[in-house]
Amino acid sequence: MSLNLPWSNRKAQKSAQEMFKRMWDFKFLPPGRGLWAMGSEFIFDKGGSALNNCGFVGTAELDADFSAPFVWLMDMSMYGVGVGFDTKGAEKEVFLKKPKRTKDVHVVEDSREGWVALFQRVLDSYVGRDSLPSDIDYSQIREPGSPIKGFGGIAPGYKPLKELIDRTLRILDKYVAEEAPVDTPLIVDLMNFAGAAVVAGGIRRTAEIAFGDMQDEEFLHLKDLENLKNNDLARWASNNSVVAAVGADYTNIATQTAINGEPGYFWLENAQAYGRMIDPPNWVDYRISGCNPCSEQSLESWELCNLVESFPSRHEDLEDYKTTLKYAYMYAKTVTLLPTHDPRTNAVMLRNRRIGLSQTGIVENINRVGLREHLRWCDLGYKEVRHWDKIYSDWLCVPESIKVTSVKPSGTVSLLPGVTPGIHFPHSEYYIRRVRVGSNSPLWGIMKEAGYPVEPDKMQPDYTMIVSFPVHEDHFDRRKSEVSMWEQFELAAQIQAYWADNQVSVTITIKPEESQDLPRALSMYESRLKSVSFLPLTDHQYEQAPYEEITESEYKKLHSKLKKVRLNPVDEEDRVVDKFCDGDTCEIK
């Protein structure tokens, strides 16, 4: 049934043509998932979840419904959504019970719903809301290598799901035997188990971020080396940040950040109170309790967000950019009109209509027009988006969007127009860019034949391959190692003030000699930012990092081995797409 609102096909066609032209000219782009799924039968059949990049779920009501947040995370992750979660459920003193067993055999349906239903049954059985079957029959799950119709990807077989269930049973049995309450490590581990299964289960990448209290010592030590090396756990599967309060003492915790890059910091009260930090506090977002894995969207529990990127450096002038913002806004607002398959999510999203209209190539545009002029673009551009939101929301008879602008890290989309990612400086003039694909995908074999280095992912060698691309930055000015921590802080604060009423996703690189100043920097900028994460600029702690600097001679040597890529064997274009907020700071690696 249509809403029977006024409509003009002529105006719609004119707008569609202008929108297409601005996408074609790389002035803005929907996320990869939007280019793949918008208008497809999959959206009509399954709802709008797959068009949303990221989400958040809280655990504060774990005592009322133990399985709900874990199941929601797995469900949305299987749509390619990156999900943030908190650990507040650890405060609820929830004790698990020895599950009852029945004589039935649980036959797993070969679908997203089938995987999620089994995970939910296992979790519910440990709080008396369901039972464990005598056996689990995985035989209905299609063989490894089979194409996943509709959503895209290649089936991995039953092993990732079985590993998820086996891990879950082992850890829950341990808590029952020890009569231990649900605590921070268990919450994070169950979420990480689900995320690891999704990564191996046909979705190329997903993302998780865990939020903990600054005083929670268990949370702060989740990624100690012995835990990362424990194969029974999957602590690598989430980025971890603390919920910080303005005025906190950062002395001790910042030392950990300077060494490991974690935890990051999220100032919840700032996100609740403010839109843009230059504007007075309005508290319109008082219900939020977290954010998405890349930390560019403030979110309520069960909420999803959709993102769209604009490229200011590819515009002739401010008026050209303002015109682009209108069409980028129209795309994002349209996504909010599409309900998902989850009633709890719809209840939040239809009220908030939150969107994330992002800028990428910020550093490039600042180099082109100057910092002050770029901030003027931000300020007037934001007001332009708000202007159109009032007009279109009135016409559509829906609420104005609670927040509209953000800065995402932009790992992949920024590569298409060839601009710098998000608010970040380029890694270096010459570097290796590593991209992860499923080991059962035909793409890595094609790239290997074309001369690109390919190797198994050391964290998931059975499920993931890594392709290394040599890159040369054509419009190179300064590498990130040449930019001070303080300049990065200040740039993020300026963009948070003049552009983003949601959040700025920024990963600040810190040199060893700057680490002693990190507590002071956090204290100075805690009232001007909503979130921040860090990457120590040393010999990185992670093998197979997304970026690795190389010399010009190394680049030329790698580049000389490359041949033309022949994609003919890939007969389904939707097999591998970007299915979450596509920045490298928030993907499960």
Protein backbone atom coordinates (compact mmCIF):
# COMPACT_ATOMS: atom_id res chain seq x y z
CA MET A 1 0.00 0.00 0.00
CA SER A 2 1.49 3.38 -1.00
CA LEU A 3 1.27 6.49 1.18
CA ASN A 4 -0.36 8.30 -1.76
CA LEU A 5 1.72 11.44 -1.28
CA PRO A 6 2.21 14.05 -4.04
CA TRP A 7 4.70 12.81 -6.62
CA SER A 8 6.09 14.08 -9.92
CA ASN A 9 7.76 11.61 -12.24
CA ARG A 10 9.35 14.48 -14.17
CA LYS A 11 11.01 15.96 -11.08
CA ALA A 12 12.03 12.51 -9.87
CA GLN A 13 13.73 11.70 -13.18
CA LYS A 14 15.54 15.03 -13.20
CA SER A 15 16.80 14.45 -9.64
CA ALA A 16 17.80 10.86 -10.42
CA GLN A 17 19.83 11.94 -13.43
CA GLU A 18 21.64 14.63 -11.45
CA MET A 19 22.30 12.17 -8.61
CA PHE A 20 23.72 9.63 -11.06
CA LYS A 21 25.97 12.25 -12.68
CA ARG A 22 27.40 13.31 -9.32
CA MET A 23 28.09 9.70 -8.38
CA TRP A 24 29.63 9.02 -11.79
CA ASP A 25 31.90 12.06 -11.39
CA PHE A 26 32.93 10.85 -7.91
CA LYS A 27 31.50 13.84 -6.08
CA PHE A 28 29.70 11.53 -3.68
CA LEU A 29 29.06 7.81 -3.34
CA PRO A 30 26.79 5.55 -1.34
CA PRO A 31 28.66 2.89 0.63
CA GLY A 32 29.66 -0.27 -1.20
CA ARG A 33 26.62 -2.04 0.23
CA GLY A 34 24.40 0.67 -1.23
CA LEU A 35 25.89 0.32 -4.70
CA TRP A 36 25.37 -3.43 -4.40
CA ALA A 37 21.97 -3.79 -2.73
CA MET A 38 19.90 -0.63 -3.21
CA GLY A 39 16.91 -1.43 -5.41
CA SER A 40 17.65 -5.17 -5.44
CA GLU A 41 15.17 -7.96 -4.79
CA PHE A 42 17.12 -8.81 -1.64
CA ILE A 43 16.01 -5.55 0.00
CA PHE A 44 12.38 -6.12 -0.96
CA ASP A 45 12.52 -9.66 0.42
CA LYS A 46 14.61 -9.16 3.57
CA GLY A 47 14.14 -5.50 4.53
CA GLY A 48 16.59 -2.64 4.80
CA SER A 49 19.18 -4.05 7.22
CA ALA A 50 21.72 -4.75 4.47
CA LEU A 51 21.69 -1.07 3.43
CA ASN A 52 22.86 0.00 6.88
CA ASN A 53 26.55 0.03 7.68
CA CYS A 54 26.71 -0.23 11.43
CA GLY A 55 24.78 -0.71 14.66
CA PHE A 56 24.96 -0.92 18.43
CA VAL A 57 23.40 -3.17 21.05
CA GLY A 58 23.47 -2.78 24.82
CA THR A 59 23.64 -5.56 27.41
CA ALA A 60 22.12 -3.70 30.36
CA GLU A 61 18.98 -5.90 30.23
CA LEU A 62 20.90 -9.17 30.16
CA ASP A 63 19.00 -10.36 33.23
CA ALA A 64 15.68 -10.02 31.39
CA ASP A 65 16.72 -11.64 28.09
CA PHE A 66 20.17 -13.22 28.20
CA SER A 67 20.50 -14.23 24.55
CA ALA A 68 19.00 -11.13 22.92
CA PRO A 69 22.08 -8.89 22.46
CA PHE A 70 24.33 -11.74 21.32
CA VAL A 71 21.76 -13.01 18.85
CA TRP A 72 21.09 -9.50 17.51
CA LEU A 73 24.80 -8.95 16.94
CA MET A 74 25.14 -12.21 15.05
CA ASP A 75 21.97 -11.61 13.04
CA MET A 76 22.98 -8.11 11.94
CA SER A 77 26.58 -9.18 11.36
CA MET A 78 25.31 -11.78 8.90
CA TYR A 79 23.78 -8.89 6.96
CA GLY A 80 27.27 -7.38 6.91
CA VAL A 81 26.53 -4.80 9.62
CA GLY A 82 29.39 -3.87 11.96
CA VAL A 83 28.12 -3.84 15.56
CA GLY A 84 29.24 -2.15 18.76
CA PHE A 85 28.26 -3.45 22.19
CA ASP A 86 28.78 -2.60 25.84
CA THR A 87 29.54 -4.75 28.89
CA LYS A 88 26.96 -3.30 31.29
CA GLY A 89 25.34 -6.72 31.64
CA ALA A 90 28.26 -7.73 33.86
CA GLU A 91 26.67 -5.59 36.59
CA LYS A 92 23.49 -7.70 36.63
CA GLU A 93 24.73 -10.78 38.56
CA VAL A 94 23.32 -13.24 36.05
CA PHE A 95 24.13 -16.88 36.90
CA LEU A 96 23.92 -19.63 34.31
CA LYS A 97 22.28 -23.02 34.84
CA LYS A 98 23.11 -26.50 33.67
CA PRO A 99 20.93 -26.88 30.58
CA LYS A 100 18.25 -29.51 30.20
CA ARG A 101 18.76 -31.96 27.37
CA THR A 102 16.06 -33.37 25.14
CA LYS A 103 16.01 -36.36 22.82
CA ASP A 104 15.42 -34.34 19.67
CA VAL A 105 18.02 -33.69 17.00
CA HIS A 106 18.36 -30.03 15.99
CA VAL A 107 18.56 -29.86 12.20
CA VAL A 108 20.22 -26.58 11.21
CA GLU A 109 18.46 -24.80 8.37
CA ASP A 110 20.76 -23.67 5.56
CA SER A 111 20.09 -19.96 5.98
CA ARG A 112 21.04 -16.93 8.03
CA GLU A 113 17.98 -17.56 10.17
CA GLY A 114 19.05 -21.17 10.73
CA TRP A 115 22.50 -20.22 12.00
CA VAL A 116 21.10 -17.54 14.30
CA ALA A 117 18.36 -19.83 15.65
CA LEU A 118 20.87 -22.48 16.74
CA PHE A 119 23.04 -19.88 18.51
CA GLN A 120 19.97 -18.53 20.29
CA ARG A 121 18.83 -21.98 21.38
CA VAL A 122 22.21 -22.77 22.92
CA LEU A 123 22.35 -19.46 24.81
CA ASP A 124 18.75 -19.71 26.03
CA SER A 125 19.29 -23.24 27.31
CA TYR A 126 21.76 -21.95 29.92
CA VAL A 127 19.14 -19.67 31.50
CA GLY A 128 16.26 -22.16 31.41
CA ARG A 129 14.44 -20.66 28.44
CA ASP A 130 15.20 -23.55 26.07
CA SER A 131 16.91 -26.93 26.03
CA LEU A 132 19.92 -28.50 24.38
CA PRO A 133 19.23 -31.17 21.74
CA SER A 134 20.73 -34.63 21.95
CA ASP A 135 22.62 -33.89 18.75
CA ILE A 136 23.04 -31.17 16.12
CA ASP A 137 22.64 -32.09 12.45
CA TYR A 138 24.63 -29.75 10.18
CA SER A 139 24.05 -31.81 7.04
CA GLN A 140 21.57 -29.36 5.47
CA ILE A 141 24.23 -26.63 5.25
CA ARG A 142 25.53 -26.37 1.70
CA GLU A 143 29.00 -27.55 0.77
CA PRO A 144 32.02 -25.22 0.89
CA GLY A 145 32.46 -23.23 -2.31
CA SER A 146 28.76 -23.00 -3.17
CA PRO A 147 27.55 -19.50 -4.12
CA ILE A 148 25.32 -17.74 -1.61
CA LYS A 149 22.41 -16.50 -3.68
CA GLY A 150 20.84 -13.15 -2.93
CA PHE A 151 23.30 -11.78 -0.39
CA GLY A 152 26.43 -12.78 -2.28
CA GLY A 153 29.56 -14.57 -1.15
CA ILE A 154 30.79 -18.14 -1.15
CA ALA A 155 29.53 -20.72 1.35
CA PRO A 156 32.16 -21.96 3.83
CA GLY A 157 30.31 -25.12 4.81
CA TYR A 158 29.25 -25.97 8.34
CA LYS A 159 32.61 -25.69 10.14
CA PRO A 160 32.46 -22.00 11.20
CA LEU A 161 29.03 -22.54 12.79
CA LYS A 162 30.12 -25.74 14.51
CA GLU A 163 33.19 -23.97 15.87
CA LEU A 164 30.97 -21.18 17.21
CA ILE A 165 28.68 -23.65 18.97
CA ASP A 166 31.56 -25.74 20.34
CA ARG A 167 33.31 -22.66 21.69
CA THR A 168 30.08 -21.38 23.22
CA LEU A 169 29.28 -24.69 24.91
CA ARG A 170 32.79 -24.96 26.36
CA ILE A 171 32.83 -21.50 27.86
CA LEU A 172 29.27 -21.64 29.23
CA ASP A 173 29.92 -25.06 30.80
CA LYS A 174 32.98 -23.55 32.48
CA TYR A 175 30.91 -20.75 34.03
CA VAL A 176 28.28 -23.24 35.22
CA ALA A 177 30.91 -25.49 36.79
CA GLU A 178 32.56 -22.57 38.58
CA GLU A 179 29.18 -21.06 39.59
CA ALA A 180 30.52 -17.76 38.28
CA PRO A 181 28.26 -14.87 37.27
CA VAL A 182 28.23 -13.48 33.75
CA ASP A 183 31.14 -11.05 33.66
CA THR A 184 32.90 -8.73 31.23
CA PRO A 185 35.14 -11.40 29.64
CA LEU A 186 32.18 -13.70 28.96
CA ILE A 187 30.15 -10.95 27.31
CA VAL A 188 33.05 -9.97 25.08
CA ASP A 189 33.97 -13.58 24.29
CA LEU A 190 30.46 -14.55 23.21
CA MET A 191 30.24 -11.48 20.97
CA ASN A 192 33.69 -12.23 19.55
CA PHE A 193 32.80 -15.89 18.92
CA ALA A 194 29.82 -14.74 16.86
CA GLY A 195 31.89 -12.21 14.95
CA ALA A 196 34.61 -14.74 14.17
CA ALA A 197 32.01 -17.18 12.86
CA VAL A 198 30.48 -14.54 10.60
CA VAL A 199 33.87 -13.60 9.14
CA ALA A 200 34.45 -17.25 8.25
CA GLY A 201 30.84 -17.82 7.28
CA GLY A 202 30.66 -16.18 3.88
CA ILE A 203 30.68 -12.50 4.83
CA ARG A 204 33.97 -11.00 3.69
CA ARG A 205 34.39 -8.74 6.70
CA THR A 206 32.47 -7.56 9.69
CA ALA A 207 33.39 -5.32 12.58
CA GLU A 208 32.93 -5.17 16.34
CA ILE A 209 33.77 -2.72 19.08
CA ALA A 210 33.43 -3.45 22.79
CA PHE A 211 32.84 -0.68 25.33
CA GLY A 212 33.90 -1.07 28.95
CA ASP A 213 34.25 1.01 32.08
CA MET A 214 37.55 2.79 32.70
CA GLN A 215 37.76 1.13 36.12
CA ASP A 216 37.07 -2.40 34.83
CA GLU A 217 40.45 -4.12 35.13
CA GLU A 218 39.13 -7.28 33.45
CA PHE A 219 38.15 -5.24 30.41
CA LEU A 220 41.49 -3.46 30.28
CA HIS A 221 43.38 -6.77 30.22
CA LEU A 222 41.22 -8.61 27.67
CA LYS A 223 43.91 -8.29 25.01
CA ASP A 224 46.93 -9.19 27.07
CA LEU A 225 49.27 -11.26 24.93
CA GLU A 226 48.38 -14.60 26.53
CA ASN A 227 44.70 -13.97 25.77
CA LEU A 228 45.37 -13.03 22.15
CA LYS A 229 47.35 -16.25 21.68
CA ASN A 230 44.63 -18.43 23.24
CA ASN A 231 43.00 -20.26 20.33
CA ASP A 232 39.91 -21.05 22.43
CA LEU A 233 39.17 -17.33 22.51
CA ALA A 234 38.74 -14.75 19.75
CA ARG A 235 39.85 -11.58 21.52
CA TRP A 236 41.25 -10.26 18.23
CA ALA A 237 37.71 -9.96 16.88
CA SER A 238 36.79 -6.60 18.45
CA ASN A 239 38.37 -3.23 18.93
CA ASN A 240 38.03 -2.17 22.57
CA SER A 241 37.27 1.32 23.92
CA VAL A 242 36.47 2.71 27.34
CA VAL A 243 33.53 4.95 28.16
CA ALA A 244 35.28 8.00 29.58
CA ALA A 245 34.00 10.94 31.60
CA VAL A 246 35.21 14.51 31.19
CA GLY A 247 37.65 15.17 34.02
CA ALA A 248 38.92 11.59 34.25
CA ASP A 249 42.49 10.76 35.18
CA TYR A 250 44.06 9.30 32.04
CA THR A 251 47.56 8.79 33.43
CA ASN A 252 47.62 5.00 33.75
CA ILE A 253 45.23 3.99 31.00
CA ALA A 254 46.91 6.23 28.42
CA THR A 255 50.15 4.34 29.00
CA GLN A 256 48.41 1.17 27.83
CA THR A 257 47.00 3.00 24.81
CA ALA A 258 50.40 4.38 23.85
CA ILE A 259 51.86 0.87 23.81
CA ASN A 260 49.01 -1.19 22.32
CA GLY A 261 46.81 1.34 20.54
CA GLU A 262 43.94 0.29 22.80
CA PRO A 263 41.75 1.11 24.51
CA GLY A 264 40.20 3.94 22.53
CA TYR A 265 38.02 6.55 24.26
CA PHE A 266 34.31 7.39 23.97
CA TRP A 267 32.88 10.37 25.87
CA LEU A 268 29.27 9.28 26.16
CA GLU A 269 27.99 12.45 27.83
CA ASN A 270 29.46 14.63 25.07
CA ALA A 271 27.70 12.47 22.47
CA GLN A 272 24.41 12.68 24.36
CA ALA A 273 24.56 16.43 24.97
CA TYR A 274 25.94 17.81 21.72
CA GLY A 275 25.38 17.78 18.02
CA ARG A 276 28.21 19.82 16.54
CA MET A 277 30.53 20.89 19.34
CA ILE A 278 30.37 24.52 18.19
CA ASP A 279 26.62 24.58 18.91
CA PRO A 280 25.06 24.72 22.40
CA PRO A 281 24.20 21.39 24.07
CA ASN A 282 20.66 20.27 23.22
CA TRP A 283 20.51 16.72 24.67
CA VAL A 284 18.31 15.51 21.79
CA ASP A 285 20.34 12.29 21.75
CA TYR A 286 20.05 11.57 25.48
CA ARG A 287 18.98 7.97 24.82
CA ILE A 288 22.22 6.85 23.16
CA SER A 289 24.42 4.39 25.01
CA GLY A 290 27.19 3.62 22.52
CA CYS A 291 28.33 3.90 18.95
CA ASN A 292 29.32 1.84 15.94
CA PRO A 293 32.69 0.08 15.47
CA CYS A 294 34.33 2.99 13.65
CA SER A 295 32.84 5.45 16.17
CA GLU A 296 31.35 7.93 13.71
CA GLN A 297 27.71 7.37 14.71
CA SER A 298 26.19 7.84 18.16
CA LEU A 299 23.60 5.10 18.60
CA GLU A 300 20.89 3.77 20.87
CA SER A 301 20.67 0.08 21.63
CA TRP A 302 19.21 -1.89 18.67
CA GLU A 303 19.82 1.06 16.32
CA LEU A 304 21.37 0.83 12.85
CA CYS A 305 22.92 3.64 10.81
CA ASN A 306 23.47 4.26 7.12
CA LEU A 307 26.35 6.28 5.72
CA VAL A 308 27.08 8.14 2.50
CA GLU A 309 30.34 9.84 1.51
CA SER A 310 31.03 13.18 -0.14
CA PHE A 311 34.37 14.18 -1.67
CA PRO A 312 34.83 17.95 -1.18
CA SER A 313 38.20 18.02 -2.97
CA ARG A 314 36.49 16.96 -6.21
CA HIS A 315 34.30 20.08 -6.34
CA GLU A 316 34.90 23.35 -8.15
CA ASP A 317 33.61 25.55 -5.35
CA LEU A 318 31.31 25.67 -2.33
CA GLU A 319 28.12 26.01 -4.38
CA ASP A 320 29.01 22.89 -6.34
CA TYR A 321 29.62 21.05 -3.05
CA LYS A 322 26.33 22.23 -1.54
CA THR A 323 24.48 20.85 -4.56
CA THR A 324 26.16 17.48 -4.08
CA LEU A 325 25.17 17.46 -0.41
CA LYS A 326 21.52 17.70 -1.41
CA TYR A 327 21.70 14.50 -3.47
CA ALA A 328 23.88 12.66 -0.98
CA TYR A 329 21.34 13.57 1.70
CA MET A 330 18.48 12.29 -0.47
CA TYR A 331 20.15 8.88 -0.74
CA ALA A 332 20.72 8.57 3.01
CA LYS A 333 17.24 9.78 3.96
CA THR A 334 15.71 7.28 1.55
CA VAL A 335 17.39 4.40 3.39
CA THR A 336 15.69 5.50 6.63
CA LEU A 337 12.31 4.95 4.95
CA LEU A 338 12.96 1.22 4.60
CA PRO A 339 12.08 -0.90 7.65
CA THR A 340 14.31 -3.77 8.74
CA HIS A 341 13.25 -7.30 9.72
CA ASP A 342 13.67 -6.48 13.45
CA PRO A 343 10.82 -4.66 15.27
CA ARG A 344 13.13 -3.40 18.06
CA THR A 345 15.40 -1.82 15.48
CA ASN A 346 12.51 -0.26 13.58
CA ALA A 347 11.14 1.30 16.78
CA VAL A 348 14.39 3.25 17.21
CA MET A 349 15.27 3.99 13.60
CA LEU A 350 11.85 5.24 12.54
CA ARG A 351 11.90 7.68 15.46
CA ASN A 352 15.45 8.95 14.97
CA ARG A 353 15.87 8.74 11.16
CA ARG A 354 19.60 9.11 11.86
CA ILE A 355 21.93 9.40 8.86
CA GLY A 356 25.68 9.82 8.47
CA LEU A 357 26.58 12.15 5.61
CA SER A 358 30.37 11.95 5.66
CA GLN A 359 33.32 13.81 4.19
CA THR A 360 36.40 12.01 2.91
CA GLY A 361 39.52 13.47 1.39
CA ILE A 362 39.47 16.15 4.09
CA VAL A 363 43.26 16.58 4.20
CA GLU A 364 43.37 16.79 0.42
CA ASN A 365 40.76 19.56 0.33
CA ILE A 366 42.52 21.48 3.12
CA ASN A 367 45.72 21.36 1.05
CA ARG A 368 43.71 22.67 -1.90
CA VAL A 369 41.60 25.48 -0.39
CA GLY A 370 43.13 26.05 3.06
CA LEU A 371 41.95 25.04 6.53
CA ARG A 372 39.79 28.09 7.20
CA GLU A 373 38.03 27.82 3.85
CA HIS A 374 37.40 24.11 4.35
CA LEU A 375 35.84 24.81 7.75
CA ARG A 376 33.58 27.37 6.05
CA TRP A 377 32.53 24.63 3.63
CA CYS A 378 31.81 22.42 6.63
CA ASP A 379 29.71 25.01 8.44
CA LEU A 380 27.66 26.12 5.44
CA GLY A 381 27.45 22.56 4.14
CA TYR A 382 26.01 21.36 7.45
CA LYS A 383 23.38 24.10 7.36
CA GLU A 384 22.55 23.11 3.78
CA VAL A 385 21.91 19.51 4.85
CA ARG A 386 19.68 20.67 7.70
CA HIS A 387 17.78 22.91 5.26
CA TRP A 388 17.02 20.01 2.95
CA ASP A 389 16.17 17.70 5.83
CA LYS A 390 13.42 20.04 6.98
CA ILE A 391 11.98 20.30 3.46
CA TYR A 392 12.08 16.59 2.62
CA SER A 393 10.98 15.40 6.07
CA ASP A 394 7.92 17.64 5.83
CA TRP A 395 7.18 16.32 2.35
CA LEU A 396 7.64 12.69 3.40
CA CYS A 397 5.66 13.24 6.63
CA VAL A 398 8.45 11.75 8.76
CA PRO A 399 10.53 13.19 11.63
CA GLU A 400 13.58 15.27 10.85
CA SER A 401 16.77 13.27 11.35
CA ILE A 402 18.09 13.48 14.90
CA LYS A 403 21.64 13.85 13.53
CA VAL A 404 22.85 14.04 9.95
CA THR A 405 26.63 14.39 9.54
CA SER A 406 29.73 12.42 10.47
CA VAL A 407 33.22 11.50 9.27
CA LYS A 408 33.81 7.82 8.57
CA PRO A 409 37.31 6.37 8.18
CA SER A 410 36.64 5.37 4.57
CA GLY A 411 38.92 2.50 3.82
CA THR A 412 37.63 1.37 0.43
CA VAL A 413 35.23 3.96 -0.99
CA SER A 414 37.93 6.65 -0.87
CA LEU A 415 40.08 4.48 -3.15
CA LEU A 416 37.61 4.86 -6.02
CA PRO A 417 38.02 8.64 -6.48
CA GLY A 418 41.63 8.43 -5.27
CA VAL A 419 41.34 10.75 -2.26
CA THR A 420 42.80 10.50 1.22
CA PRO A 421 40.67 8.41 3.62
CA GLY A 422 38.30 10.33 5.89
CA ILE A 423 40.15 12.80 8.09
CA HIS A 424 43.41 10.88 7.91
CA PHE A 425 46.74 11.68 6.31
CA PRO A 426 48.16 9.19 3.79
CA HIS A 427 50.18 6.35 5.27
CA SER A 428 53.21 7.24 3.15
CA GLU A 429 54.08 7.97 -0.46
CA TYR A 430 54.70 4.27 -1.14
CA TYR A 431 53.04 1.50 0.83
CA ILE A 432 51.47 -1.95 0.76
CA ARG A 433 47.69 -2.04 1.13
CA ARG A 434 46.48 -5.44 2.38
CA VAL A 435 42.93 -6.56 1.61
CA ARG A 436 41.30 -9.65 3.10
CA VAL A 437 39.06 -12.01 1.13
CA GLY A 438 37.54 -15.39 1.90
CA SER A 439 39.80 -18.34 1.16
CA ASN A 440 36.97 -19.87 -0.89
CA SER A 441 36.60 -16.73 -3.05
CA PRO A 442 37.85 -16.88 -6.64
CA LEU A 443 39.22 -13.34 -6.35
CA TRP A 444 42.47 -14.11 -4.55
CA GLY A 445 43.43 -16.68 -7.19
CA ILE A 446 42.77 -14.15 -9.93
CA MET A 447 44.91 -11.54 -8.17
CA LYS A 448 47.70 -14.07 -7.64
CA GLU A 449 47.73 -14.86 -11.35
CA ALA A 450 48.05 -11.12 -11.98
CA GLY A 451 51.21 -10.97 -9.87
CA TYR A 452 49.88 -9.62 -6.59
CA PRO A 453 51.36 -11.24 -3.44
CA VAL A 454 48.83 -13.54 -1.73
CA GLU A 455 49.16 -15.29 1.63
CA PRO A 456 46.90 -16.88 4.28
CA ASP A 457 45.69 -14.68 7.13
CA LYS A 458 47.65 -15.84 10.17
CA MET A 459 44.64 -15.23 12.44
CA GLN A 460 42.27 -17.33 10.30
CA PRO A 461 44.42 -19.31 7.84
CA ASP A 462 41.64 -21.76 6.98
CA TYR A 463 39.11 -19.08 6.06
CA THR A 464 40.86 -15.88 4.94
CA MET A 465 43.49 -14.91 2.37
CA ILE A 466 45.34 -11.60 2.15
CA VAL A 467 46.12 -9.84 -1.12
CA SER A 468 48.85 -7.17 -1.00
CA PHE A 469 48.63 -4.17 -3.32
CA PRO A 470 51.60 -1.83 -3.87
CA VAL A 471 50.35 1.78 -3.81
CA HIS A 472 51.84 5.13 -4.82
CA GLU A 473 50.10 8.31 -3.60
CA ASP A 474 49.98 10.65 -6.61
CA HIS A 475 49.14 13.84 -4.69
CA PHE A 476 51.47 13.28 -1.78
CA ASP A 477 52.23 16.06 0.72
CA ARG A 478 53.02 14.58 4.15
CA ARG A 479 52.94 11.04 5.48
CA LYS A 480 51.14 10.48 8.76
CA SER A 481 54.46 9.94 10.54
CA GLU A 482 55.28 13.59 9.75
CA VAL A 483 52.12 14.94 11.39
CA SER A 484 52.17 15.55 15.12
CA MET A 485 49.69 14.00 17.51
CA TRP A 486 48.60 17.53 18.48
CA GLU A 487 47.80 18.53 14.88
CA GLN A 488 45.69 15.40 14.44
CA PHE A 489 43.80 16.10 17.68
CA GLU A 490 43.13 19.69 16.64
CA LEU A 491 41.95 18.79 13.15
CA ALA A 492 39.52 16.21 14.57
CA ALA A 493 38.21 18.78 17.08
CA GLN A 494 37.71 21.40 14.35
CA ILE A 495 35.75 18.99 12.15
CA GLN A 496 33.72 17.84 15.18
CA ALA A 497 32.89 21.50 15.78
CA TYR A 498 31.99 22.63 12.27
CA TRP A 499 30.76 19.50 10.46
CA ALA A 500 29.88 16.35 12.42
CA ASP A 501 26.83 16.39 14.68
CA ASN A 502 27.29 12.64 15.03
CA GLN A 503 31.00 11.90 15.46
CA VAL A 504 34.39 12.08 13.77
CA SER A 505 36.04 8.71 13.33
CA VAL A 506 39.73 9.41 13.84
CA THR A 507 42.67 7.13 14.55
CA ILE A 508 45.52 9.32 15.76
CA THR A 509 49.01 8.02 15.16
CA ILE A 510 51.40 8.68 18.05
CA LYS A 511 55.18 8.61 17.94
CA PRO A 512 57.14 7.08 20.84
CA GLU A 513 58.36 10.51 21.94
CA GLU A 514 54.75 11.79 22.05
CA SER A 515 53.38 9.01 24.26
CA GLN A 516 54.25 10.82 27.49
CA ASP A 517 51.99 13.69 26.39
CA LEU A 518 48.96 11.50 25.67
CA PRO A 519 47.31 11.94 29.12
CA ARG A 520 47.61 15.73 28.76
CA ALA A 521 46.26 15.63 25.20
CA LEU A 522 43.23 13.60 26.30
CA SER A 523 42.57 16.07 29.13
CA MET A 524 42.86 19.03 26.75
CA TYR A 525 40.55 17.61 24.07
CA GLU A 526 38.04 15.63 26.17
CA SER A 527 35.54 18.50 26.01
CA ARG A 528 35.91 18.96 22.24
CA LEU A 529 35.66 15.37 20.99
CA LYS A 530 33.21 12.50 21.31
CA SER A 531 35.54 9.63 20.49
CA VAL A 532 39.13 8.93 19.53
CA SER A 533 41.32 5.90 18.86
CA PHE A 534 45.05 5.53 18.47
CA LEU A 535 47.76 3.69 16.59
CA PRO A 536 51.32 3.72 17.96
CA LEU A 537 53.67 4.78 15.20
CA THR A 538 56.33 2.18 15.89
CA ASP A 539 57.05 -1.23 14.47
CA HIS A 540 53.40 -2.27 14.61
CA GLN A 541 52.26 -4.95 17.03
CA TYR A 542 50.05 -6.65 14.45
CA GLU A 543 51.33 -8.92 11.73
CA GLN A 544 49.85 -8.39 8.28
CA ALA A 545 48.69 -4.86 9.10
CA PRO A 546 46.38 -3.16 6.56
CA TYR A 547 49.10 -0.64 5.65
CA GLU A 548 52.88 -1.07 5.54
CA GLU A 549 55.31 1.58 4.31
CA ILE A 550 57.78 0.55 1.61
CA THR A 551 60.51 2.31 -0.35
CA GLU A 552 60.25 3.55 -3.91
CA SER A 553 62.52 0.73 -5.10
CA GLU A 554 60.39 -1.88 -3.29
CA TYR A 555 57.29 -0.38 -4.88
CA LYS A 556 58.82 -0.50 -8.35
CA LYS A 557 59.94 -4.10 -7.84
CA LEU A 558 56.45 -5.20 -6.78
CA HIS A 559 54.78 -3.14 -9.50
CA SER A 560 57.02 -4.59 -12.21
CA LYS A 561 55.63 -8.07 -11.52
CA LEU A 562 52.01 -7.06 -12.08
CA LYS A 563 50.01 -8.19 -15.08
CA LYS A 564 46.57 -7.30 -16.34
CA VAL A 565 43.83 -8.55 -14.03
CA ARG A 566 41.42 -10.90 -15.77
CA LEU A 567 38.09 -11.00 -13.94
CA ASN A 568 36.28 -13.25 -16.43
CA PRO A 569 36.11 -16.22 -14.00
CA VAL A 570 34.01 -14.15 -11.58
CA ASP A 571 30.52 -14.65 -12.92
CA GLU A 572 28.62 -13.07 -10.06
CA GLU A 573 29.49 -9.45 -9.37
CA ASP A 574 27.84 -9.48 -5.97
CA ARG A 575 29.91 -12.26 -4.48
CA VAL A 576 32.27 -9.95 -2.61
CA VAL A 577 31.24 -6.46 -1.58
CA ASP A 578 31.96 -4.04 1.22
CA LYS A 579 29.32 -4.84 3.78
CA PHE A 580 29.93 -2.53 6.72
CA CYS A 581 31.60 0.76 7.62
CA ASP A 582 34.57 0.22 5.37
CA GLY A 583 37.42 1.76 7.33
CA ASP A 584 40.40 -0.36 8.21
CA THR A 585 40.34 0.80 11.81
CA CYS A 586 37.15 -1.08 12.58
CA GLU A 587 37.16 -4.28 10.54
CA ILE A 588 37.72 -7.69 12.07
CA LYS A 589 41.16 -8.50 10.74
